[in-house]
Amino acid sequence: MTYRVCFVCTGNICRSPMAESVFRARLAEAGFDGLVEVDSAGTGGWHEGDAADPRTVSVLEANGYDGMHTARQFQVSWFSRLDLVIALDEGHLKALRRLAPTPTDADKIRLLRSYDPAAGDDLDVPDPYYGGMEGFEECLELVEAASPGLLDAVRQKVEERAA
């Protein structure tokens, strides 16, 4: 049975597609292809159908990740098929919890940086959209730092299902 993860930010053109691409690469490296499905979405539909922000694509591709992406808006009906919903900042976390139709669905929502032991109390991935390239590079660094912890958590869930 496939374990399903969805990363969520505001417009699904910067942070969440970056997290999706990085995590998909980490899953492939760990041999979890076919066992875990990863996608992303935005809390709003402003950019639905658009490619990722060119700065996101540039930073991803410069670091060996796939930059292909099409933005979409998160739908409440997805909770029933998702195992884990990863918010990129506190605002997304609150928006997703408001959307969650059941307490079980709300329990599926986590902040990405909660998987980074070095994050401390600052669990938001800052929105790079209105800044320069350095914000996109910082975003990638924060996503990469949280990925090992997230991979460990997902690995544990996948192994529990297989047992």
Protein backbone atom coordinates (compact mmCIF):
# COMPACT_ATOMS: atom_id res chain seq x y z
CA MET A 1 0.00 0.00 0.00
CA THR A 2 1.43 3.35 -1.07
CA TYR A 3 2.17 5.96 1.60
CA ARG A 4 1.12 9.43 0.41
CA VAL A 5 2.69 12.77 1.34
CA CYS A 6 1.61 16.24 0.17
CA PHE A 7 3.61 19.43 0.78
CA VAL A 8 1.55 22.62 1.06
CA CYS A 9 2.48 26.30 0.83
CA THR A 10 0.51 29.36 -0.31
CA GLY A 11 0.56 29.34 -4.11
CA ASN A 12 2.37 26.06 -4.87
CA ILE A 13 5.05 27.71 -6.99
CA CYS A 14 7.97 28.19 -4.55
CA ARG A 15 8.29 26.33 -1.25
CA SER A 16 6.05 23.30 -1.67
CA PRO A 17 7.29 22.32 -5.14
CA MET A 18 10.85 22.69 -3.84
CA ALA A 19 10.05 20.40 -0.89
CA GLU A 20 8.31 17.94 -3.21
CA SER A 21 11.29 17.74 -5.55
CA VAL A 22 13.87 17.39 -2.78
CA PHE A 23 11.88 14.77 -0.90
CA ARG A 24 11.18 12.78 -4.06
CA ALA A 25 14.96 12.68 -4.68
CA ARG A 26 15.62 11.55 -1.09
CA LEU A 27 13.03 8.78 -1.44
CA ALA A 28 14.63 7.57 -4.67
CA GLU A 29 18.08 7.55 -3.02
CA ALA A 30 16.64 5.49 -0.15
CA GLY A 31 15.01 2.98 -2.49
CA PHE A 32 11.44 3.98 -1.69
CA ASP A 33 10.32 4.49 -5.30
CA GLY A 34 6.84 3.05 -5.68
CA LEU A 35 6.30 2.83 -1.92
CA VAL A 36 5.77 6.54 -1.29
CA GLU A 37 3.88 9.01 -3.48
CA VAL A 38 4.80 12.68 -3.14
CA ASP A 39 3.05 15.75 -4.46
CA SER A 40 2.36 19.34 -3.48
CA ALA A 41 -0.36 21.98 -3.51
CA GLY A 42 -1.18 25.50 -2.42
CA THR A 43 -3.70 26.76 0.09
CA GLY A 44 -4.95 29.08 -2.66
CA GLY A 45 -5.54 28.61 -6.35
CA TRP A 46 -3.96 31.81 -7.69
CA HIS A 47 -1.26 29.97 -9.65
CA GLU A 48 -3.18 26.80 -10.50
CA GLY A 49 -1.87 25.38 -13.77
CA ASP A 50 1.32 27.48 -13.69
CA ALA A 51 4.86 26.12 -13.65
CA ALA A 52 7.01 26.67 -10.57
CA ASP A 53 8.50 30.13 -10.14
CA PRO A 54 11.57 30.37 -12.45
CA ARG A 55 13.75 31.10 -9.42
CA THR A 56 12.56 27.88 -7.78
CA VAL A 57 13.34 25.95 -10.95
CA SER A 58 16.76 27.59 -11.23
CA VAL A 59 17.76 26.75 -7.65
CA LEU A 60 16.43 23.20 -7.89
CA GLU A 61 18.14 22.42 -11.18
CA ALA A 62 21.42 24.05 -10.10
CA ASN A 63 21.44 21.62 -7.19
CA GLY A 64 20.58 18.51 -9.18
CA TYR A 65 16.83 18.35 -8.56
CA ASP A 66 13.92 18.13 -10.98
CA GLY A 67 12.33 21.52 -11.65
CA MET A 68 9.23 20.28 -13.50
CA HIS A 69 6.01 21.27 -11.72
CA THR A 70 2.41 22.34 -12.28
CA ALA A 71 0.71 24.27 -9.47
CA ARG A 72 -2.62 23.22 -8.00
CA GLN A 73 -4.79 24.05 -5.02
CA PHE A 74 -5.19 21.70 -2.06
CA GLN A 75 -8.62 20.08 -1.90
CA VAL A 76 -10.38 18.97 1.30
CA SER A 77 -11.28 15.66 -0.35
CA TRP A 78 -7.55 14.77 -0.53
CA PHE A 79 -7.34 14.24 3.24
CA SER A 80 -8.97 10.83 2.87
CA ARG A 81 -6.19 9.54 0.59
CA LEU A 82 -3.21 11.28 2.20
CA ASP A 83 -1.15 9.89 5.06
CA LEU A 84 0.85 13.02 5.79
CA VAL A 85 0.26 16.68 4.92
CA ILE A 86 3.35 18.85 5.34
CA ALA A 87 2.83 22.58 5.86
CA LEU A 88 5.70 24.92 5.06
CA ASP A 89 4.79 27.55 7.65
CA GLU A 90 2.45 28.20 10.57
CA GLY A 91 -0.09 30.00 8.36
CA HIS A 92 -0.40 26.94 6.12
CA LEU A 93 -0.66 24.72 9.19
CA LYS A 94 -3.58 26.76 10.54
CA ALA A 95 -5.31 26.91 7.14
CA LEU A 96 -4.99 23.15 6.67
CA ARG A 97 -6.28 22.42 10.18
CA ARG A 98 -9.33 24.59 9.46
CA LEU A 99 -9.93 22.56 6.29
CA ALA A 100 -9.48 19.16 7.94
CA PRO A 101 -12.91 17.48 8.07
CA THR A 102 -12.05 15.23 11.05
CA PRO A 103 -9.64 15.19 13.99
CA THR A 104 -7.92 12.21 12.33
CA ASP A 105 -7.30 14.35 9.23
CA ALA A 106 -5.99 17.23 11.36
CA ASP A 107 -3.53 14.80 12.99
CA LYS A 108 -1.98 14.15 9.55
CA ILE A 109 -0.72 17.76 9.32
CA ARG A 110 2.84 18.62 10.34
CA LEU A 111 5.29 21.49 9.83
CA LEU A 112 8.24 20.53 7.62
CA ARG A 113 10.88 22.01 9.89
CA SER A 114 9.56 20.01 12.85
CA TYR A 115 11.62 17.20 11.28
CA ASP A 116 14.84 19.24 11.59
CA PRO A 117 16.28 18.89 15.11
CA ALA A 118 18.40 22.02 14.57
CA ALA A 119 15.36 24.19 13.75
CA GLY A 120 14.61 25.09 17.38
CA ASP A 121 11.42 27.11 17.78
CA ASP A 122 11.55 28.69 14.31
CA LEU A 123 9.61 26.14 12.26
CA ASP A 124 8.58 28.34 9.33
CA VAL A 125 10.21 28.14 5.92
CA PRO A 126 10.17 31.84 4.91
CA ASP A 127 8.36 32.75 1.70
CA PRO A 128 11.02 33.69 -0.88
CA TYR A 129 8.54 34.96 -3.50
CA TYR A 130 8.99 38.72 -2.96
CA GLY A 131 12.77 38.59 -2.52
CA GLY A 132 15.82 37.69 -4.50
CA MET A 133 17.61 34.46 -5.26
CA GLU A 134 19.12 34.27 -1.77
CA GLY A 135 15.64 33.59 -0.36
CA PHE A 136 15.19 30.65 -2.73
CA GLU A 137 18.62 29.32 -1.83
CA GLU A 138 17.77 29.61 1.89
CA CYS A 139 14.48 27.83 1.23
CA LEU A 140 16.34 24.94 -0.37
CA GLU A 141 18.76 24.76 2.57
CA LEU A 142 15.89 24.58 5.07
CA VAL A 143 14.04 21.95 3.03
CA GLU A 144 17.19 19.84 2.69
CA ALA A 145 17.90 20.11 6.43
CA ALA A 146 14.43 18.76 7.31
CA SER A 147 14.45 15.99 4.70
CA PRO A 148 16.50 13.36 6.62
CA GLY A 149 14.17 13.55 9.63
CA LEU A 150 11.10 13.41 7.42
CA LEU A 151 12.57 10.46 5.52
CA ASP A 152 13.15 8.61 8.80
CA ALA A 153 9.55 9.24 9.91
CA VAL A 154 8.12 8.09 6.58
CA ARG A 155 10.44 5.06 6.51
CA GLN A 156 9.13 4.03 9.93
CA LYS A 157 5.50 4.32 8.76
CA VAL A 158 6.18 2.38 5.55
CA GLU A 159 7.95 -0.38 7.49
CA GLU A 160 5.09 -0.55 10.01
CA ARG A 161 2.63 -1.07 7.17
CA ALA A 162 4.79 -3.80 5.65
CA ALA A 163 5.10 -5.70 8.96
